[in-house]
PDB file of N, CA and C in Angstrom:
ATOM      1  N   MET A   1      30.136  -7.614 -57.454  1.00  0.00           N
ATOM      2  CA  MET A   1      29.482  -8.008 -56.219  1.00  0.00           C
ATOM      3  C   MET A   1      30.038  -7.215 -55.031  1.00  0.00           C
ATOM      4  N   PHE A   2      31.365  -7.256 -54.836  1.00  0.00           N
ATOM      5  CA  PHE A   2      31.968  -6.570 -53.701  1.00  0.00           C
ATOM      6  C   PHE A   2      31.757  -5.061 -53.806  1.00  0.00           C
ATOM      7  N   GLU A   3      31.879  -4.523 -55.016  1.00  0.00           N
ATOM      8  CA  GLU A   3      31.659  -3.091 -55.217  1.00  0.00           C
ATOM      9  C   GLU A   3      30.244  -2.706 -54.809  1.00  0.00           C
ATOM     10  N   ALA A   4      29.291  -3.608 -55.047  1.00  0.00           N
ATOM     11  CA  ALA A   4      27.902  -3.349 -54.650  1.00  0.00           C
ATOM     12  C   ALA A   4      27.777  -3.279 -53.127  1.00  0.00           C
ATOM     13  N   LEU A   5      28.554  -4.089 -52.414  1.00  0.00           N
ATOM     14  CA  LEU A   5      28.549  -4.033 -50.945  1.00  0.00           C
ATOM     15  C   LEU A   5      29.077  -2.686 -50.462  1.00  0.00           C
ATOM     16  N   VAL A   6      30.107  -2.193 -51.117  1.00  0.00           N
ATOM     17  CA  VAL A   6      30.657  -0.881 -50.759  1.00  0.00           C
ATOM     18  C   VAL A   6      29.624   0.205 -51.057  1.00  0.00           C
ATOM     19  N   ALA A   7      28.961   0.109 -52.191  1.00  0.00           N
ATOM     20  CA  ALA A   7      27.909   1.080 -52.541  1.00  0.00           C
ATOM     21  C   ALA A   7      26.776   1.027 -51.518  1.00  0.00           C
ATOM     22  N   ASP A   8      26.392  -0.176 -51.101  1.00  0.00           N
ATOM     23  CA  ASP A   8      25.343  -0.314 -50.086  1.00  0.00           C
ATOM     24  C   ASP A   8      25.778   0.321 -48.770  1.00  0.00           C
ATOM     25  N   ALA A   9      27.047   0.125 -48.400  1.00  0.00           N
ATOM     26  CA  ALA A   9      27.564   0.724 -47.165  1.00  0.00           C
ATOM     27  C   ALA A   9      27.533   2.244 -47.255  1.00  0.00           C
ATOM     28  N   LEU A  10      27.874   2.791 -48.413  1.00  0.00           N
ATOM     29  CA  LEU A  10      27.821   4.241 -48.606  1.00  0.00           C
ATOM     30  C   LEU A  10      26.382   4.752 -48.511  1.00  0.00           C
ATOM     31  N   ASP A  11      25.432   3.942 -48.969  1.00  0.00           N
ATOM     32  CA  ASP A  11      24.021   4.324 -48.876  1.00  0.00           C
ATOM     33  C   ASP A  11      23.544   4.389 -47.433  1.00  0.00           C
ATOM     34  N   GLU A  12      24.237   3.703 -46.532  1.00  0.00           N
ATOM     35  CA  GLU A  12      23.870   3.695 -45.113  1.00  0.00           C
ATOM     36  C   GLU A  12      24.342   4.952 -44.379  1.00  0.00           C
ATOM     37  N   VAL A  13      25.283   5.665 -44.984  1.00  0.00           N
ATOM     38  CA  VAL A  13      25.792   6.897 -44.371  1.00  0.00           C
ATOM     39  C   VAL A  13      24.704   7.957 -44.484  1.00  0.00           C
ATOM     40  N   PRO A  14      24.395   8.628 -43.379  1.00  0.00           N
ATOM     41  CA  PRO A  14      23.346   9.657 -43.429  1.00  0.00           C
ATOM     42  C   PRO A  14      23.607  10.688 -44.531  1.00  0.00           C
ATOM     43  N   PRO A  15      22.556  11.060 -45.265  1.00  0.00           N
ATOM     44  CA  PRO A  15      22.717  12.018 -46.373  1.00  0.00           C
ATOM     45  C   PRO A  15      23.384  13.323 -45.949  1.00  0.00           C
ATOM     46  N   GLU A  16      23.114  13.756 -44.696  1.00  0.00           N
ATOM     47  CA  GLU A  16      23.728  15.011 -44.216  1.00  0.00           C
ATOM     48  C   GLU A  16      25.250  14.903 -44.219  1.00  0.00           C
ATOM     49  N   LEU A  17      25.771  13.718 -43.874  1.00  0.00           N
ATOM     50  CA  LEU A  17      27.222  13.527 -43.865  1.00  0.00           C
ATOM     51  C   LEU A  17      27.759  13.394 -45.295  1.00  0.00           C
ATOM     52  N   MET A  18      27.032  12.681 -46.131  1.00  0.00           N
ATOM     53  CA  MET A  18      27.483  12.511 -47.517  1.00  0.00           C
ATOM     54  C   MET A  18      27.597  13.864 -48.220  1.00  0.00           C
ATOM     55  N   LYS A  19      26.679  14.789 -47.912  1.00  0.00           N
ATOM     56  CA  LYS A  19      26.731  16.120 -48.518  1.00  0.00           C
ATOM     57  C   LYS A  19      27.973  16.888 -48.083  1.00  0.00           C
ATOM     58  N   LEU A  20      28.484  16.571 -46.887  1.00  0.00           N
ATOM     59  CA  LEU A  20      29.661  17.260 -46.364  1.00  0.00           C
ATOM     60  C   LEU A  20      30.974  16.696 -46.904  1.00  0.00           C
ATOM     61  N   MET A  21      30.922  15.479 -47.441  1.00  0.00           N
ATOM     62  CA  MET A  21      32.145  14.894 -47.997  1.00  0.00           C
ATOM     63  C   MET A  21      32.553  15.714 -49.214  1.00  0.00           C
ATOM     64  N   ASP A  22      33.825  16.056 -49.263  1.00  0.00           N
ATOM     65  CA  ASP A  22      34.290  16.956 -50.300  1.00  0.00           C
ATOM     66  C   ASP A  22      35.567  16.430 -50.939  1.00  0.00           C
ATOM     67  N   ASN A  23      35.541  16.307 -52.266  1.00  0.00           N
ATOM     68  CA  ASN A  23      36.721  15.934 -53.032  1.00  0.00           C
ATOM     69  C   ASN A  23      37.319  14.612 -52.548  1.00  0.00           C
ATOM     70  N   VAL A  24      36.469  13.584 -52.503  1.00  0.00           N
ATOM     71  CA  VAL A  24      36.919  12.258 -52.067  1.00  0.00           C
ATOM     72  C   VAL A  24      36.276  11.194 -52.953  1.00  0.00           C
ATOM     73  N   VAL A  25      37.033  10.173 -53.268  1.00  0.00           N
ATOM     74  CA  VAL A  25      36.551   9.066 -54.075  1.00  0.00           C
ATOM     75  C   VAL A  25      36.749   7.772 -53.284  1.00  0.00           C
ATOM     76  N   VAL A  26      35.811   6.842 -53.423  1.00  0.00           N
ATOM     77  CA  VAL A  26      35.897   5.553 -52.744  1.00  0.00           C
ATOM     78  C   VAL A  26      36.176   4.489 -53.804  1.00  0.00           C
ATOM     79  N   LEU A  27      37.261   3.730 -53.592  1.00  0.00           N
ATOM     80  CA  LEU A  27      37.691   2.729 -54.561  1.00  0.00           C
ATOM     81  C   LEU A  27      37.851   1.368 -53.892  1.00  0.00           C
ATOM     82  N   VAL A  28      37.727   0.322 -54.683  1.00  0.00           N
ATOM     83  CA  VAL A  28      37.951  -1.043 -54.204  1.00  0.00           C
ATOM     84  C   VAL A  28      39.197  -1.584 -54.893  1.00  0.00           C
ATOM     85  N   GLU A  29      40.094  -2.142 -54.096  1.00  0.00           N
ATOM     86  CA  GLU A  29      41.269  -2.834 -54.626  1.00  0.00           C
ATOM     87  C   GLU A  29      41.360  -4.189 -53.943  1.00  0.00           C
ATOM     88  N   ASP A  30      42.139  -5.080 -54.518  1.00  0.00           N
ATOM     89  CA  ASP A  30      42.271  -6.407 -53.923  1.00  0.00           C
ATOM     90  C   ASP A  30      42.972  -6.357 -52.568  1.00  0.00           C
ATOM     91  N   ARG A  31      44.107  -5.671 -52.514  1.00  0.00           N
ATOM     92  CA  ARG A  31      44.918  -5.696 -51.306  1.00  0.00           C
ATOM     93  C   ARG A  31      45.890  -4.517 -51.323  1.00  0.00           C
ATOM     94  N   ASN A  32      46.301  -4.053 -50.155  1.00  0.00           N
ATOM     95  CA  ASN A  32      47.328  -3.026 -50.038  1.00  0.00           C
ATOM     96  C   ASN A  32      48.681  -3.725 -50.150  1.00  0.00           C
ATOM     97  N   ALA A  33      49.505  -3.306 -51.102  1.00  0.00           N
ATOM     98  CA  ALA A  33      50.793  -3.963 -51.341  1.00  0.00           C
ATOM     99  C   ALA A  33      51.739  -3.863 -50.140  1.00  0.00           C
ATOM    100  N   GLU A  34      51.720  -2.728 -49.448  1.00  0.00           N
ATOM    101  CA  GLU A  34      52.632  -2.520 -48.321  1.00  0.00           C
ATOM    102  C   GLU A  34      52.149  -3.175 -47.035  1.00  0.00           C
ATOM    103  N   GLU A  35      50.826  -3.209 -46.844  1.00  0.00           N
ATOM    104  CA  GLU A  35      50.230  -3.813 -45.651  1.00  0.00           C
ATOM    105  C   GLU A  35      49.085  -4.727 -46.099  1.00  0.00           C
ATOM    106  N   PRO A  36      49.405  -5.970 -46.472  1.00  0.00           N
ATOM    107  CA  PRO A  36      48.407  -6.867 -47.057  1.00  0.00           C
ATOM    108  C   PRO A  36      47.197  -7.170 -46.168  1.00  0.00           C
ATOM    109  N   ASP A  37      47.319  -6.988 -44.857  1.00  0.00           N
ATOM    110  CA  ASP A  37      46.195  -7.267 -43.960  1.00  0.00           C
ATOM    111  C   ASP A  37      45.313  -6.051 -43.714  1.00  0.00           C
ATOM    112  N   LEU A  38      45.674  -4.912 -44.279  1.00  0.00           N
ATOM    113  CA  LEU A  38      44.909  -3.679 -44.102  1.00  0.00           C
ATOM    114  C   LEU A  38      43.553  -3.812 -44.792  1.00  0.00           C
ATOM    115  N   LEU A  39      42.485  -3.450 -44.078  1.00  0.00           N
ATOM    116  CA  LEU A  39      41.129  -3.577 -44.613  1.00  0.00           C
ATOM    117  C   LEU A  39      40.708  -2.356 -45.413  1.00  0.00           C
ATOM    118  N   GLY A  40      41.190  -1.187 -45.007  1.00  0.00           N
ATOM    119  CA  GLY A  40      40.840   0.049 -45.682  1.00  0.00           C
ATOM    120  C   GLY A  40      41.893   1.100 -45.409  1.00  0.00           C
ATOM    121  N   LEU A  41      41.894   2.143 -46.217  1.00  0.00           N
ATOM    122  CA  LEU A  41      42.893   3.199 -46.053  1.00  0.00           C
ATOM    123  C   LEU A  41      42.314   4.515 -46.559  1.00  0.00           C
ATOM    124  N   TYR A  42      42.536   5.569 -45.775  1.00  0.00           N
ATOM    125  CA  TYR A  42      42.172   6.923 -46.206  1.00  0.00           C
ATOM    126  C   TYR A  42      43.460   7.645 -46.567  1.00  0.00           C
ATOM    127  N   GLU A  43      43.535   8.158 -47.779  1.00  0.00           N
ATOM    128  CA  GLU A  43      44.693   8.925 -48.237  1.00  0.00           C
ATOM    129  C   GLU A  43      44.230  10.313 -48.637  1.00  0.00           C
ATOM    130  N   GLY A  44      44.757  11.317 -47.984  1.00  0.00           N
ATOM    131  CA  GLY A  44      44.391  12.672 -48.347  1.00  0.00           C
ATOM    132  C   GLY A  44      44.482  13.602 -47.156  1.00  0.00           C
ATOM    133  N   TYR A  45      43.742  14.685 -47.252  1.00  0.00           N
ATOM    134  CA  TYR A  45      43.718  15.703 -46.211  1.00  0.00           C
ATOM    135  C   TYR A  45      42.322  15.744 -45.609  1.00  0.00           C
ATOM    136  N   ALA A  46      42.232  15.385 -44.340  1.00  0.00           N
ATOM    137  CA  ALA A  46      40.940  15.421 -43.652  1.00  0.00           C
ATOM    138  C   ALA A  46      40.358  16.829 -43.744  1.00  0.00           C
ATOM    139  N   LEU A  47      39.045  16.910 -43.706  1.00  0.00           N
ATOM    140  CA  LEU A  47      38.390  18.212 -43.780  1.00  0.00           C
ATOM    141  C   LEU A  47      38.907  19.159 -42.711  1.00  0.00           C
ATOM    142  N   THR A  48      39.269  18.621 -41.560  1.00  0.00           N
ATOM    143  CA  THR A  48      39.765  19.442 -40.449  1.00  0.00           C
ATOM    144  C   THR A  48      41.170  19.972 -40.685  1.00  0.00           C
ATOM    145  N   GLU A  49      41.871  19.440 -41.696  1.00  0.00           N
ATOM    146  CA  GLU A  49      43.249  19.861 -41.981  1.00  0.00           C
ATOM    147  C   GLU A  49      43.351  20.759 -43.202  1.00  0.00           C
ATOM    148  N   ARG A  50      42.249  20.995 -43.866  1.00  0.00           N
ATOM    149  CA  ARG A  50      42.283  21.778 -45.096  1.00  0.00           C
ATOM    150  C   ARG A  50      42.259  23.261 -44.784  1.00  0.00           C
ATOM    151  N   GLY A  51      43.155  23.958 -45.424  1.00  0.00           N
ATOM    152  CA  GLY A  51      43.212  25.404 -45.255  1.00  0.00           C
ATOM    153  C   GLY A  51      43.076  26.093 -46.603  1.00  0.00           C
ATOM    154  N   TRP A  52      43.418  27.360 -46.649  1.00  0.00           N
ATOM    155  CA  TRP A  52      43.279  28.147 -47.863  1.00  0.00           C
ATOM    156  C   TRP A  52      44.117  27.586 -49.010  1.00  0.00           C
ATOM    157  N   GLU A  53      45.222  26.895 -48.696  1.00  0.00           N
ATOM    158  CA  GLU A  53      46.118  26.382 -49.732  1.00  0.00           C
ATOM    159  C   GLU A  53      45.626  25.066 -50.345  1.00  0.00           C
ATOM    160  N   TYR A  54      44.500  24.557 -49.890  1.00  0.00           N
ATOM    161  CA  TYR A  54      44.020  23.256 -50.342  1.00  0.00           C
ATOM    162  C   TYR A  54      43.506  23.266 -51.781  1.00  0.00           C
ATOM    163  N   GLY A  55      43.054  24.344 -52.305  1.00  0.00           N
ATOM    164  CA  GLY A  55      42.418  24.413 -53.621  1.00  0.00           C
ATOM    165  C   GLY A  55      43.197  23.722 -54.723  1.00  0.00           C
ATOM    166  N   GLY A  56      42.470  23.047 -55.618  1.00  0.00           N
ATOM    167  CA  GLY A  56      43.082  22.399 -56.769  1.00  0.00           C
ATOM    168  C   GLY A  56      43.701  21.039 -56.482  1.00  0.00           C
ATOM    169  N   ALA A  57      43.528  20.527 -55.284  1.00  0.00           N
ATOM    170  CA  ALA A  57      44.123  19.240 -54.917  1.00  0.00           C
ATOM    171  C   ALA A  57      43.384  18.095 -55.602  1.00  0.00           C
ATOM    172  N   LEU A  58      44.124  17.033 -55.861  1.00  0.00           N
ATOM    173  CA  LEU A  58      43.493  15.817 -56.373  1.00  0.00           C
ATOM    174  C   LEU A  58      42.555  15.270 -55.309  1.00  0.00           C
ATOM    175  N   PRO A  59      41.562  14.479 -55.717  1.00  0.00           N
ATOM    176  CA  PRO A  59      40.629  13.938 -54.711  1.00  0.00           C
ATOM    177  C   PRO A  59      41.329  13.049 -53.684  1.00  0.00           C
ATOM    178  N   ASP A  60      40.853  13.116 -52.446  1.00  0.00           N
ATOM    179  CA  ASP A  60      41.281  12.165 -51.428  1.00  0.00           C
ATOM    180  C   ASP A  60      40.772  10.802 -51.876  1.00  0.00           C
ATOM    181  N   ARG A  61      41.399   9.751 -51.342  1.00  0.00           N
ATOM    182  CA  ARG A  61      40.992   8.405 -51.726  1.00  0.00           C
ATOM    183  C   ARG A  61      40.695   7.569 -50.490  1.00  0.00           C
ATOM    184  N   ILE A  62      39.581   6.880 -50.551  1.00  0.00           N
ATOM    185  CA  ILE A  62      39.266   5.858 -49.563  1.00  0.00           C
ATOM    186  C   ILE A  62      39.383   4.532 -50.295  1.00  0.00           C
ATOM    187  N   MET A  63      40.307   3.704 -49.837  1.00  0.00           N
ATOM    188  CA  MET A  63      40.526   2.398 -50.448  1.00  0.00           C
ATOM    189  C   MET A  63      39.900   1.333 -49.551  1.00  0.00           C
ATOM    190  N   ILE A  64      39.138   0.439 -50.145  1.00  0.00           N
ATOM    191  CA  ILE A  64      38.557  -0.701 -49.443  1.00  0.00           C
ATOM    192  C   ILE A  64      39.187  -1.942 -50.077  1.00  0.00           C
ATOM    193  N   TYR A  65      39.793  -2.791 -49.235  1.00  0.00           N
ATOM    194  CA  TYR A  65      40.571  -3.922 -49.736  1.00  0.00           C
ATOM    195  C   TYR A  65      39.788  -5.232 -49.649  1.00  0.00           C
ATOM    196  N   ARG A  66      39.318  -5.657 -50.804  1.00  0.00           N
ATOM    197  CA  ARG A  66      38.460  -6.828 -50.959  1.00  0.00           C
ATOM    198  C   ARG A  66      39.062  -8.106 -50.353  1.00  0.00           C
ATOM    199  N   GLU A  67      40.234  -8.496 -50.775  1.00  0.00           N
ATOM    200  CA  GLU A  67      40.804  -9.768 -50.330  1.00  0.00           C
ATOM    201  C   GLU A  67      41.084  -9.779 -48.829  1.00  0.00           C
ATOM    202  N   ALA A  68      41.564  -8.664 -48.302  1.00  0.00           N
ATOM    203  CA  ALA A  68      41.865  -8.594 -46.866  1.00  0.00           C
ATOM    204  C   ALA A  68      40.589  -8.759 -46.042  1.00  0.00           C
ATOM    205  N   ILE A  69      39.504  -8.143 -46.482  1.00  0.00           N
ATOM    206  CA  ILE A  69      38.232  -8.278 -45.768  1.00  0.00           C
ATOM    207  C   ILE A  69      37.719  -9.713 -45.880  1.00  0.00           C
ATOM    208  N   CYS A  70      37.763 -10.277 -47.067  1.00  0.00           N
ATOM    209  CA  CYS A  70      37.291 -11.658 -47.248  1.00  0.00           C
ATOM    210  C   CYS A  70      38.122 -12.654 -46.430  1.00  0.00           C
ATOM    211  N   ASP A  71      39.417 -12.366 -46.271  1.00  0.00           N
ATOM    212  CA  ASP A  71      40.299 -13.244 -45.494  1.00  0.00           C
ATOM    213  C   ASP A  71      39.861 -13.386 -44.036  1.00  0.00           C
ATOM    214  N   ILE A  72      39.319 -12.314 -43.455  1.00  0.00           N
ATOM    215  CA  ILE A  72      38.992 -12.362 -42.022  1.00  0.00           C
ATOM    216  C   ILE A  72      37.540 -12.747 -41.754  1.00  0.00           C
ATOM    217  N   CYS A  73      36.764 -12.946 -42.810  1.00  0.00           N
ATOM    218  CA  CYS A  73      35.345 -13.257 -42.654  1.00  0.00           C
ATOM    219  C   CYS A  73      35.067 -14.704 -43.059  1.00  0.00           C
ATOM    220  N   GLU A  74      34.145 -15.326 -42.342  1.00  0.00           N
ATOM    221  CA  GLU A  74      33.795 -16.712 -42.635  1.00  0.00           C
ATOM    222  C   GLU A  74      32.485 -16.843 -43.399  1.00  0.00           C
ATOM    223  N   THR A  75      31.630 -15.829 -43.323  1.00  0.00           N
ATOM    224  CA  THR A  75      30.332 -15.904 -43.989  1.00  0.00           C
ATOM    225  C   THR A  75      30.093 -14.637 -44.809  1.00  0.00           C
ATOM    226  N   ALA A  76      29.135 -14.730 -45.709  1.00  0.00           N
ATOM    227  CA  ALA A  76      28.758 -13.560 -46.512  1.00  0.00           C
ATOM    228  C   ALA A  76      28.237 -12.443 -45.617  1.00  0.00           C
ATOM    229  N   GLU A  77      27.515 -12.813 -44.569  1.00  0.00           N
ATOM    230  CA  GLU A  77      26.993 -11.819 -43.621  1.00  0.00           C
ATOM    231  C   GLU A  77      28.124 -11.054 -42.935  1.00  0.00           C
ATOM    232  N   GLU A  78      29.174 -11.772 -42.550  1.00  0.00           N
ATOM    233  CA  GLU A  78      30.332 -11.125 -41.920  1.00  0.00           C
ATOM    234  C   GLU A  78      31.006 -10.164 -42.901  1.00  0.00           C
ATOM    235  N   ILE A  79      31.064 -10.543 -44.164  1.00  0.00           N
ATOM    236  CA  ILE A  79      31.669  -9.658 -45.170  1.00  0.00           C
ATOM    237  C   ILE A  79      30.869  -8.365 -45.281  1.00  0.00           C
ATOM    238  N   VAL A  80      29.545  -8.480 -45.339  1.00  0.00           N
ATOM    239  CA  VAL A  80      28.680  -7.296 -45.413  1.00  0.00           C
ATOM    240  C   VAL A  80      28.940  -6.391 -44.216  1.00  0.00           C
ATOM    241  N   ASP A  81      28.974  -6.968 -43.019  1.00  0.00           N
ATOM    242  CA  ASP A  81      29.208  -6.185 -41.800  1.00  0.00           C
ATOM    243  C   ASP A  81      30.576  -5.525 -41.820  1.00  0.00           C
ATOM    244  N   GLU A  82      31.598  -6.263 -42.212  1.00  0.00           N
ATOM    245  CA  GLU A  82      32.965  -5.727 -42.209  1.00  0.00           C
ATOM    246  C   GLU A  82      33.139  -4.631 -43.245  1.00  0.00           C
ATOM    247  N   VAL A  83      32.510  -4.771 -44.400  1.00  0.00           N
ATOM    248  CA  VAL A  83      32.571  -3.716 -45.420  1.00  0.00           C
ATOM    249  C   VAL A  83      31.963  -2.438 -44.857  1.00  0.00           C
ATOM    250  N   THR A  84      30.810  -2.558 -44.211  1.00  0.00           N
ATOM    251  CA  THR A  84      30.151  -1.378 -43.636  1.00  0.00           C
ATOM    252  C   THR A  84      31.033  -0.725 -42.581  1.00  0.00           C
ATOM    253  N   ILE A  85      31.585  -1.519 -41.691  1.00  0.00           N
ATOM    254  CA  ILE A  85      32.466  -0.991 -40.640  1.00  0.00           C
ATOM    255  C   ILE A  85      33.671  -0.287 -41.257  1.00  0.00           C
ATOM    256  N   THR A  86      34.273  -0.912 -42.252  1.00  0.00           N
ATOM    257  CA  THR A  86      35.476  -0.348 -42.877  1.00  0.00           C
ATOM    258  C   THR A  86      35.157   0.949 -43.613  1.00  0.00           C
ATOM    259  N   VAL A  87      34.056   0.981 -44.340  1.00  0.00           N
ATOM    260  CA  VAL A  87      33.668   2.202 -45.057  1.00  0.00           C
ATOM    261  C   VAL A  87      33.414   3.340 -44.070  1.00  0.00           C
ATOM    262  N   VAL A  88      32.658   3.085 -43.021  1.00  0.00           N
ATOM    263  CA  VAL A  88      32.377   4.123 -42.017  1.00  0.00           C
ATOM    264  C   VAL A  88      33.680   4.582 -41.356  1.00  0.00           C
ATOM    265  N   HIS A  89      34.549   3.641 -41.040  1.00  0.00           N
ATOM    266  CA  HIS A  89      35.830   3.945 -40.407  1.00  0.00           C
ATOM    267  C   HIS A  89      36.655   4.904 -41.285  1.00  0.00           C
ATOM    268  N   GLU A  90      36.748   4.606 -42.565  1.00  0.00           N
ATOM    269  CA  GLU A  90      37.557   5.450 -43.456  1.00  0.00           C
ATOM    270  C   GLU A  90      36.894   6.800 -43.717  1.00  0.00           C
ATOM    271  N   ILE A  91      35.574   6.839 -43.814  1.00  0.00           N
ATOM    272  CA  ILE A  91      34.879   8.117 -43.949  1.00  0.00           C
ATOM    273  C   ILE A  91      35.134   8.982 -42.716  1.00  0.00           C
ATOM    274  N   ALA A  92      35.161   8.370 -41.557  1.00  0.00           N
ATOM    275  CA  ALA A  92      35.432   9.117 -40.320  1.00  0.00           C
ATOM    276  C   ALA A  92      36.799   9.800 -40.400  1.00  0.00           C
ATOM    277  N   HIS A  93      37.787   9.121 -40.987  1.00  0.00           N
ATOM    278  CA  HIS A  93      39.102   9.759 -41.152  1.00  0.00           C
ATOM    279  C   HIS A  93      38.995  10.994 -42.045  1.00  0.00           C
ATOM    280  N   HIS A  94      38.145  10.943 -43.054  1.00  0.00           N
ATOM    281  CA  HIS A  94      37.934  12.099 -43.934  1.00  0.00           C
ATOM    282  C   HIS A  94      37.425  13.301 -43.123  1.00  0.00           C
ATOM    283  N   PHE A  95      36.643  13.021 -42.083  1.00  0.00           N
ATOM    284  CA  PHE A  95      36.123  14.076 -41.219  1.00  0.00           C
ATOM    285  C   PHE A  95      37.068  14.428 -40.076  1.00  0.00           C
ATOM    286  N   GLY A  96      38.257  13.814 -40.059  1.00  0.00           N
ATOM    287  CA  GLY A  96      39.269  14.168 -39.072  1.00  0.00           C
ATOM    288  C   GLY A  96      39.203  13.377 -37.781  1.00  0.00           C
ATOM    289  N   ILE A  97      38.441  12.306 -37.743  1.00  0.00           N
ATOM    290  CA  ILE A  97      38.355  11.483 -36.537  1.00  0.00           C
ATOM    291  C   ILE A  97      39.520  10.501 -36.543  1.00  0.00           C
ATOM    292  N   GLU A  98      40.289  10.525 -35.471  1.00  0.00           N
ATOM    293  CA  GLU A  98      41.498   9.709 -35.379  1.00  0.00           C
ATOM    294  C   GLU A  98      41.188   8.276 -34.964  1.00  0.00           C
ATOM    295  N   GLU A  99      42.149   7.396 -35.192  1.00  0.00           N
ATOM    296  CA  GLU A  99      42.051   5.970 -34.883  1.00  0.00           C
ATOM    297  C   GLU A  99      41.599   5.708 -33.449  1.00  0.00           C
ATOM    298  N   GLU A 100      42.241   6.377 -32.507  1.00  0.00           N
ATOM    299  CA  GLU A 100      41.947   6.161 -31.089  1.00  0.00           C
ATOM    300  C   GLU A 100      40.464   6.420 -30.786  1.00  0.00           C
ATOM    301  N   ARG A 101      39.942   7.514 -31.298  1.00  0.00           N
ATOM    302  CA  ARG A 101      38.539   7.868 -31.062  1.00  0.00           C
ATOM    303  C   ARG A 101      37.603   6.868 -31.742  1.00  0.00           C
ATOM    304  N   LEU A 102      37.967   6.405 -32.914  1.00  0.00           N
ATOM    305  CA  LEU A 102      37.137   5.411 -33.602  1.00  0.00           C
ATOM    306  C   LEU A 102      37.042   4.125 -32.804  1.00  0.00           C
ATOM    307  N   HIS A 103      38.142   3.722 -32.199  1.00  0.00           N
ATOM    308  CA  HIS A 103      38.129   2.520 -31.355  1.00  0.00           C
ATOM    309  C   HIS A 103      37.225   2.734 -30.131  1.00  0.00           C
ATOM    310  N   GLU A 104      37.298   3.916 -29.555  1.00  0.00           N
ATOM    311  CA  GLU A 104      36.446   4.230 -28.405  1.00  0.00           C
ATOM    312  C   GLU A 104      34.962   4.150 -28.785  1.00  0.00           C
ATOM    313  N   LEU A 105      34.655   4.537 -30.026  1.00  0.00           N
ATOM    314  CA  LEU A 105      33.268   4.550 -30.500  1.00  0.00           C
ATOM    315  C   LEU A 105      32.814   3.180 -31.025  1.00  0.00           C
ATOM    316  N   GLY A 106      33.733   2.218 -31.069  1.00  0.00           N
ATOM    317  CA  GLY A 106      33.386   0.887 -31.538  1.00  0.00           C
ATOM    318  C   GLY A 106      33.521   0.678 -33.034  1.00  0.00           C
ATOM    319  N   TRP A 107      34.201   1.590 -33.717  1.00  0.00           N
ATOM    320  CA  TRP A 107      34.393   1.490 -35.164  1.00  0.00           C
ATOM    321  C   TRP A 107      35.834   1.151 -35.506  1.00  0.00           C
ATOM    322  N   GLY A 108      36.561   0.578 -34.583  1.00  0.00           N
ATOM    323  CA  GLY A 108      37.968   0.268 -34.818  1.00  0.00           C
ATOM    324  C   GLY A 108      38.216  -1.110 -35.309  1.00  0.00           C
TER     325      GLY A 108
END
């Protein structure tokens, strides 16, 4: 069920942007062990940081944390909205958009 929400959120990303995503995988986990309240996490090298030495790297990872998102939501509708916000937020990190700018844009 939750994985389907993440898939639906990915379907909302414009195809032009999805085509630009490179060497990244989106995964769902229950919770981040180090920061249990974290909703999502991008691990890897943003497209803006990749240089000639990047070749052969393992895929970047976007983690979406099911339990943390469910903890802050009261309704199924809120969960759907929060999953979408979190997925877009983490994809933005893949494109090199920093936290501060995401907050300015309303995706924080």
